Amino acid sequence: HRKLTGFLFSRARLNSNRCRCKNVATRLRKMAGTTLVELLICVIFLGLCAAAMLNAVGAASRQASVAEEKLLALATAKNQIAQQQAAARDGTLAVGTSTTNPTDTGIRFPVTVTTTVSAVGGYTDLYQVLTRVSWVSDIGAEHSGAVQLQTYVVTNDK
């Protein structure tokens, strides 16, 4: 009887292990089926993230291009102001408005530089210089723009 009890006990333990193995196999089979779906979801998610990142990089590139154009226009305006200051030192500063279309500004689009020199009331040797650099893009309004600088110059007339 003792042997029989031991046999039944070991048989029950064996059946328990088989059930555990069946549960593990069933779980693995279920997990194997969902990994393909999970992989597809992951690929879709990565694709959406990549598209968003490419869009952000494109927008940053466009903004950098616009900033470069404004920087070049600012340099052009500063050069024009420096020319007017030199004319004031030489005594050749002329009151009025002048418009030029320089081609060596570095800006890809046609540029118009308008400089207005006007006498300041109450002073005989003080002048206001206003320089406006504008450009118009043919590829979009975001690439068009203008920069304006204003300063005062004193002539060396005595």
Protein backbone atom coordinates (compact mmCIF):
# COMPACT_ATOMS: atom_id res chain seq x y z
CA HIS A 1 0.00 0.00 0.00
CA ARG A 2 2.85 2.31 0.77
CA LYS A 3 4.33 1.80 -2.68
CA LEU A 4 1.01 2.52 -4.27
CA THR A 5 0.63 5.80 -2.40
CA GLY A 6 4.13 6.84 -3.49
CA PHE A 7 3.28 5.95 -7.06
CA LEU A 8 0.06 7.98 -7.01
CA PHE A 9 1.83 10.92 -5.42
CA SER A 10 4.62 10.92 -8.01
CA ARG A 11 2.05 10.46 -10.78
CA ALA A 12 0.13 13.52 -9.53
CA ARG A 13 3.36 15.53 -9.45
CA LEU A 14 4.10 14.49 -13.06
CA ASN A 15 0.60 15.52 -14.19
CA SER A 16 1.05 18.86 -12.43
CA ASN A 17 4.30 19.47 -14.32
CA ARG A 18 2.62 18.60 -17.62
CA CYS A 19 -0.14 21.11 -16.93
CA ARG A 20 2.48 23.72 -16.15
CA CYS A 21 4.26 22.93 -19.42
CA LYS A 22 1.01 23.15 -21.34
CA ASN A 23 0.27 26.54 -19.75
CA VAL A 24 3.75 27.82 -20.65
CA ALA A 25 3.44 26.52 -24.21
CA THR A 26 0.01 28.11 -24.56
CA ARG A 27 1.34 31.39 -23.20
CA LEU A 28 4.31 31.32 -25.60
CA ARG A 29 2.01 30.62 -28.51
CA LYS A 30 -0.22 33.54 -27.53
CA MET A 31 2.79 35.82 -27.12
CA ALA A 32 4.20 34.78 -30.51
CA GLY A 33 0.94 35.82 -32.16
CA THR A 34 0.91 39.27 -30.62
CA THR A 35 4.55 40.09 -31.34
CA LEU A 36 3.81 40.56 -35.05
CA VAL A 37 1.02 43.01 -34.22
CA GLU A 38 3.28 44.76 -31.74
CA LEU A 39 6.00 44.98 -34.38
CA LEU A 40 3.62 46.50 -36.90
CA ILE A 41 2.40 49.05 -34.35
CA CYS A 42 6.01 49.91 -33.54
CA VAL A 43 6.87 50.39 -37.22
CA ILE A 44 3.83 52.63 -37.71
CA PHE A 45 4.75 54.65 -34.64
CA LEU A 46 8.35 55.06 -35.80
CA GLY A 47 7.15 56.12 -39.24
CA LEU A 48 4.93 58.81 -37.75
CA CYS A 49 7.79 60.02 -35.55
CA ALA A 50 10.16 60.13 -38.53
CA ALA A 51 7.63 62.11 -40.58
CA ALA A 52 7.19 64.62 -37.75
CA MET A 53 10.95 64.98 -37.34
CA LEU A 54 11.46 65.53 -41.09
CA ASN A 55 8.75 68.19 -41.04
CA ALA A 56 10.46 69.94 -38.11
CA VAL A 57 13.85 69.81 -39.84
CA GLY A 58 12.33 71.29 -43.00
CA ALA A 59 10.71 74.12 -41.07
CA ALA A 60 13.97 74.85 -39.23
CA SER A 61 15.83 74.93 -42.55
CA ARG A 62 13.35 77.43 -44.01
CA GLN A 63 13.62 79.63 -40.91
CA ALA A 64 17.41 79.54 -41.10
CA SER A 65 17.22 80.66 -44.73
CA VAL A 66 14.94 83.58 -43.82
CA ALA A 67 17.24 84.55 -40.93
CA GLU A 68 20.24 84.50 -43.27
CA GLU A 69 18.47 86.80 -45.73
CA LYS A 70 17.64 89.24 -42.91
CA LEU A 71 21.24 89.16 -41.71
CA LEU A 72 22.53 89.94 -45.21
CA ALA A 73 19.98 92.76 -45.55
CA LEU A 74 21.09 94.18 -42.20
CA ALA A 75 24.72 94.14 -43.36
CA THR A 76 23.68 95.96 -46.55
CA ALA A 77 21.82 98.60 -44.52
CA LYS A 78 24.82 99.08 -42.21
CA ASN A 79 27.09 99.56 -45.22
CA GLN A 80 24.73 102.19 -46.62
CA ILE A 81 24.67 104.00 -43.25
CA ALA A 82 28.49 103.88 -43.14
CA GLN A 83 28.61 105.46 -46.62
CA GLN A 84 26.33 108.28 -45.45
CA GLN A 85 28.47 108.82 -42.34
CA ALA A 86 31.57 109.03 -44.55
CA ALA A 87 29.79 111.54 -46.79
CA ALA A 88 28.91 113.59 -43.69
CA ARG A 89 32.57 113.62 -42.61
CA ASP A 90 33.65 114.67 -46.13
CA GLY A 91 30.98 117.36 -46.30
CA THR A 92 29.27 115.75 -49.32
CA LEU A 93 26.10 114.57 -47.59
CA ALA A 94 23.07 115.39 -49.76
CA VAL A 95 19.53 115.80 -48.42
CA GLY A 96 16.95 113.70 -50.26
CA THR A 97 15.99 110.15 -51.12
CA SER A 98 18.01 107.73 -53.21
CA THR A 99 17.09 104.24 -54.36
CA THR A 100 19.51 101.60 -55.60
CA ASN A 101 19.24 97.95 -56.62
CA PRO A 102 22.55 96.35 -55.64
CA THR A 103 23.30 92.86 -56.92
CA ASP A 104 26.18 91.94 -54.62
CA THR A 105 24.24 91.64 -51.35
CA GLY A 106 24.26 87.85 -51.13
CA ILE A 107 20.45 87.73 -51.03
CA ARG A 108 19.02 85.43 -53.71
CA PHE A 109 16.21 87.79 -54.60
CA PRO A 110 16.10 91.31 -56.08
CA VAL A 111 17.00 93.90 -53.44
CA THR A 112 15.97 97.55 -53.22
CA VAL A 113 17.89 99.93 -50.94
CA THR A 114 16.17 103.24 -50.20
CA THR A 115 18.08 105.87 -48.23
CA THR A 116 16.47 109.08 -47.03
CA VAL A 117 18.59 111.91 -45.62
CA SER A 118 16.75 114.79 -43.96
CA ALA A 119 17.87 117.79 -41.94
CA VAL A 120 16.85 117.87 -38.29
CA GLY A 121 14.97 121.06 -37.45
CA GLY A 122 16.78 123.55 -35.24
CA TYR A 123 20.26 122.24 -36.13
CA THR A 124 22.43 123.23 -39.06
CA ASP A 125 24.76 120.23 -38.99
CA LEU A 126 22.54 117.35 -37.79
CA TYR A 127 20.89 114.98 -40.25
CA GLN A 128 18.67 111.94 -39.93
CA VAL A 129 19.59 108.99 -42.16
CA LEU A 130 16.95 106.31 -42.74
CA THR A 131 17.91 103.24 -44.76
CA ARG A 132 15.44 100.56 -45.80
CA VAL A 133 16.52 97.33 -47.50
CA SER A 134 13.68 95.28 -48.96
CA TRP A 135 13.49 92.16 -51.11
CA VAL A 136 10.67 90.25 -52.74
CA SER A 137 10.80 86.51 -53.17
CA ASP A 138 9.26 84.62 -56.03
CA ILE A 139 9.06 81.37 -54.01
CA GLY A 140 6.87 82.53 -51.14
CA ALA A 141 5.98 85.47 -48.94
CA GLU A 142 7.97 84.02 -46.03
CA HIS A 143 11.19 84.73 -47.95
CA SER A 144 10.26 88.37 -48.65
CA GLY A 145 11.05 91.03 -46.13
CA ALA A 146 12.59 94.35 -45.18
CA VAL A 147 15.10 95.75 -42.74
CA GLN A 148 15.17 99.38 -41.69
CA LEU A 149 17.91 101.29 -39.86
CA GLN A 150 17.87 104.87 -38.70
CA THR A 151 20.67 107.01 -37.34
CA TYR A 152 21.75 110.61 -36.98
CA VAL A 153 24.93 112.05 -38.44
CA VAL A 154 26.75 115.30 -37.85
CA THR A 155 28.56 117.07 -40.64
CA ASN A 156 31.92 118.70 -40.15
CA ASP A 157 30.76 122.07 -41.50
CA LYS A 158 32.06 124.93 -39.41
